[in-house]
Amino acid sequence: MSERFASRTIGKIVGVRDIYSNFIVYRRDLFKDFRPRLKESFGAELIVYAWLNNYRIGEYVYDSPPRRKN
């Protein structure tokens, strides 16, 4: 499954635009019973696990400024 397809599909389900973002915050108690099964898709698996266990999932959209020209 491509990362872009997974991000769009899972993102629509859980209500987040980019599930593979590196800027993610989780509550510590989420990890208490979590046992990852997938290796490359750890981020997606964790966000789906949180959603299935009724954790609140939110998103802060940040549009970065354009890059400087050197």
N, C-alpha and C. Protein backbone atom coordinates (compact mmCIF):
# COMPACT_ATOMS: atom_id res chain seq x y z
N MET A 1 0.85 -1.17 0.00
CA MET A 1 0.00 0.00 0.00
C MET A 1 0.89 1.23 0.00
N SER A 2 0.60 2.16 -0.86
CA SER A 2 1.43 3.35 -0.92
C SER A 2 1.16 4.24 0.29
N GLU A 3 2.19 4.97 0.67
CA GLU A 3 2.06 5.86 1.83
C GLU A 3 1.03 6.95 1.59
N ARG A 4 0.97 7.48 0.40
CA ARG A 4 0.01 8.54 0.08
C ARG A 4 -1.43 8.02 0.17
N PHE A 5 -1.68 6.84 -0.39
CA PHE A 5 -3.01 6.24 -0.33
C PHE A 5 -3.40 5.94 1.11
N ALA A 6 -2.50 5.36 1.86
CA ALA A 6 -2.78 5.04 3.27
C ALA A 6 -3.06 6.31 4.06
N SER A 7 -2.28 7.35 3.84
CA SER A 7 -2.46 8.59 4.56
C SER A 7 -3.83 9.19 4.27
N ARG A 8 -4.23 9.19 3.01
CA ARG A 8 -5.55 9.74 2.66
C ARG A 8 -6.68 8.89 3.23
N THR A 9 -6.57 7.58 3.09
CA THR A 9 -7.64 6.69 3.52
C THR A 9 -7.79 6.69 5.04
N ILE A 10 -6.72 6.42 5.73
CA ILE A 10 -6.77 6.38 7.20
C ILE A 10 -7.04 7.77 7.74
N GLY A 11 -6.46 8.78 7.11
CA GLY A 11 -6.69 10.15 7.54
C GLY A 11 -8.15 10.55 7.50
N LYS A 12 -8.87 10.14 6.47
CA LYS A 12 -10.30 10.44 6.38
C LYS A 12 -11.07 9.74 7.49
N ILE A 13 -10.68 8.54 7.82
CA ILE A 13 -11.37 7.78 8.86
C ILE A 13 -11.18 8.43 10.23
N VAL A 14 -9.95 8.78 10.56
CA VAL A 14 -9.66 9.32 11.90
C VAL A 14 -9.74 10.83 11.97
N GLY A 15 -9.84 11.51 10.81
CA GLY A 15 -9.99 12.95 10.79
C GLY A 15 -8.70 13.74 10.84
N VAL A 16 -7.64 13.20 10.26
CA VAL A 16 -6.34 13.86 10.22
C VAL A 16 -5.83 13.86 8.79
N ARG A 17 -5.24 14.97 8.35
CA ARG A 17 -4.78 15.05 6.95
C ARG A 17 -3.48 14.29 6.69
N ASP A 18 -2.56 14.31 7.65
CA ASP A 18 -1.24 13.68 7.43
C ASP A 18 -0.90 12.77 8.59
N ILE A 19 -1.16 11.47 8.42
CA ILE A 19 -0.90 10.55 9.52
C ILE A 19 0.58 10.21 9.66
N TYR A 20 1.38 10.56 8.68
CA TYR A 20 2.81 10.25 8.73
C TYR A 20 3.65 11.45 9.15
N SER A 21 3.02 12.47 9.68
CA SER A 21 3.76 13.64 10.13
C SER A 21 4.72 13.25 11.25
N ASN A 22 5.83 13.92 11.33
CA ASN A 22 6.78 13.66 12.41
C ASN A 22 6.47 14.49 13.65
N PHE A 23 5.45 15.30 13.60
CA PHE A 23 5.07 16.15 14.72
C PHE A 23 3.79 15.61 15.34
N ILE A 24 3.92 14.55 16.11
CA ILE A 24 2.77 13.89 16.71
C ILE A 24 3.00 13.80 18.22
N VAL A 25 1.95 14.05 18.97
CA VAL A 25 2.02 13.96 20.43
C VAL A 25 1.01 12.91 20.88
N TYR A 26 1.45 12.00 21.73
CA TYR A 26 0.58 10.96 22.25
C TYR A 26 0.60 10.99 23.77
N ARG A 27 -0.51 10.61 24.36
CA ARG A 27 -0.55 10.44 25.81
C ARG A 27 0.21 9.17 26.16
N ARG A 28 0.93 9.20 27.23
CA ARG A 28 1.75 8.06 27.65
C ARG A 28 0.92 6.80 27.88
N ASP A 29 -0.28 6.95 28.45
CA ASP A 29 -1.08 5.77 28.76
C ASP A 29 -1.55 5.02 27.51
N LEU A 30 -1.49 5.64 26.36
CA LEU A 30 -1.84 4.94 25.11
C LEU A 30 -0.90 3.75 24.88
N PHE A 31 0.34 3.88 25.29
CA PHE A 31 1.35 2.85 25.03
C PHE A 31 1.29 1.68 26.01
N LYS A 32 0.49 1.79 27.03
CA LYS A 32 0.46 0.76 28.07
C LYS A 32 0.16 -0.62 27.50
N ASP A 33 -0.86 -0.73 26.66
CA ASP A 33 -1.27 -2.03 26.10
C ASP A 33 -0.98 -2.17 24.62
N PHE A 34 -0.35 -1.18 24.02
CA PHE A 34 -0.09 -1.21 22.58
C PHE A 34 1.08 -2.13 22.27
N ARG A 35 0.86 -3.05 21.33
CA ARG A 35 1.90 -3.96 20.85
C ARG A 35 1.94 -3.84 19.33
N PRO A 36 2.94 -3.16 18.77
CA PRO A 36 2.98 -2.97 17.32
C PRO A 36 3.12 -4.29 16.57
N ARG A 37 2.43 -4.38 15.44
CA ARG A 37 2.51 -5.58 14.59
C ARG A 37 3.23 -5.29 13.29
N LEU A 38 3.08 -4.06 12.81
CA LEU A 38 3.70 -3.66 11.55
C LEU A 38 4.96 -2.86 11.85
N LYS A 39 5.96 -2.97 11.03
CA LYS A 39 7.20 -2.25 11.30
C LYS A 39 7.26 -0.93 10.57
N GLU A 40 7.07 -0.91 9.27
CA GLU A 40 7.20 0.32 8.51
C GLU A 40 6.03 1.26 8.74
N SER A 41 4.89 0.75 9.11
CA SER A 41 3.68 1.56 9.26
C SER A 41 3.36 1.84 10.72
N PHE A 42 4.37 1.92 11.55
CA PHE A 42 4.16 2.10 12.98
C PHE A 42 3.30 3.32 13.29
N GLY A 43 3.55 4.46 12.64
CA GLY A 43 2.79 5.67 12.91
C GLY A 43 1.32 5.51 12.58
N ALA A 44 1.03 4.92 11.43
CA ALA A 44 -0.35 4.70 11.02
C ALA A 44 -1.02 3.69 11.95
N GLU A 45 -0.30 2.67 12.31
CA GLU A 45 -0.86 1.65 13.20
C GLU A 45 -1.19 2.25 14.56
N LEU A 46 -0.35 3.11 15.07
CA LEU A 46 -0.57 3.71 16.37
C LEU A 46 -1.75 4.67 16.35
N ILE A 47 -1.89 5.45 15.30
CA ILE A 47 -3.01 6.39 15.23
C ILE A 47 -4.34 5.63 15.08
N VAL A 48 -4.35 4.53 14.34
CA VAL A 48 -5.56 3.72 14.22
C VAL A 48 -5.87 3.06 15.57
N TYR A 49 -4.86 2.58 16.25
CA TYR A 49 -5.05 1.99 17.59
C TYR A 49 -5.66 3.01 18.54
N ALA A 50 -5.15 4.24 18.50
CA ALA A 50 -5.69 5.30 19.36
C ALA A 50 -7.14 5.58 19.01
N TRP A 51 -7.45 5.64 17.73
CA TRP A 51 -8.82 5.91 17.28
C TRP A 51 -9.76 4.78 17.71
N LEU A 52 -9.33 3.54 17.54
CA LEU A 52 -10.16 2.39 17.93
C LEU A 52 -10.41 2.34 19.44
N ASN A 53 -9.49 2.90 20.21
CA ASN A 53 -9.63 2.91 21.66
C ASN A 53 -10.19 4.23 22.19
N ASN A 54 -10.84 4.98 21.30
CA ASN A 54 -11.57 6.20 21.65
C ASN A 54 -10.72 7.31 22.25
N TYR A 55 -9.47 7.39 21.85
CA TYR A 55 -8.66 8.54 22.23
C TYR A 55 -9.05 9.70 21.33
N ARG A 56 -9.01 10.89 21.85
CA ARG A 56 -9.31 12.08 21.05
C ARG A 56 -8.14 12.34 20.12
N ILE A 57 -8.42 12.53 18.86
CA ILE A 57 -7.38 12.80 17.87
C ILE A 57 -7.65 14.17 17.27
N GLY A 58 -6.67 15.02 17.32
CA GLY A 58 -6.81 16.35 16.77
C GLY A 58 -5.66 16.66 15.84
N GLU A 59 -5.76 17.79 15.19
CA GLU A 59 -4.72 18.16 14.23
C GLU A 59 -4.52 19.67 14.28
N TYR A 60 -3.29 20.06 14.29
CA TYR A 60 -2.91 21.46 14.17
C TYR A 60 -2.25 21.61 12.81
N VAL A 61 -2.88 22.34 11.93
CA VAL A 61 -2.35 22.49 10.57
C VAL A 61 -1.35 23.64 10.56
N TYR A 62 -0.16 23.36 10.09
CA TYR A 62 0.90 24.35 10.00
C TYR A 62 1.35 24.46 8.56
N ASP A 63 1.19 25.61 7.99
CA ASP A 63 1.68 25.86 6.64
C ASP A 63 3.02 26.58 6.75
N SER A 64 4.06 25.88 6.42
CA SER A 64 5.40 26.47 6.56
C SER A 64 5.62 27.56 5.52
N PRO A 65 6.44 28.55 5.88
CA PRO A 65 6.74 29.61 4.90
C PRO A 65 7.57 29.05 3.75
N PRO A 66 7.57 29.72 2.61
CA PRO A 66 8.36 29.22 1.48
C PRO A 66 9.86 29.24 1.82
N ARG A 67 10.57 28.36 1.21
CA ARG A 67 12.03 28.30 1.42
C ARG A 67 12.72 29.51 0.85
N ARG A 68 13.81 29.88 1.49
CA ARG A 68 14.60 31.01 1.00
C ARG A 68 15.40 30.58 -0.21
N LYS A 69 15.64 31.51 -1.08
CA LYS A 69 16.53 31.25 -2.21
C LYS A 69 17.92 31.66 -1.77
N ASN A 70 18.89 30.83 -2.04
CA ASN A 70 20.28 31.14 -1.65
C ASN A 70 20.95 32.00 -2.65
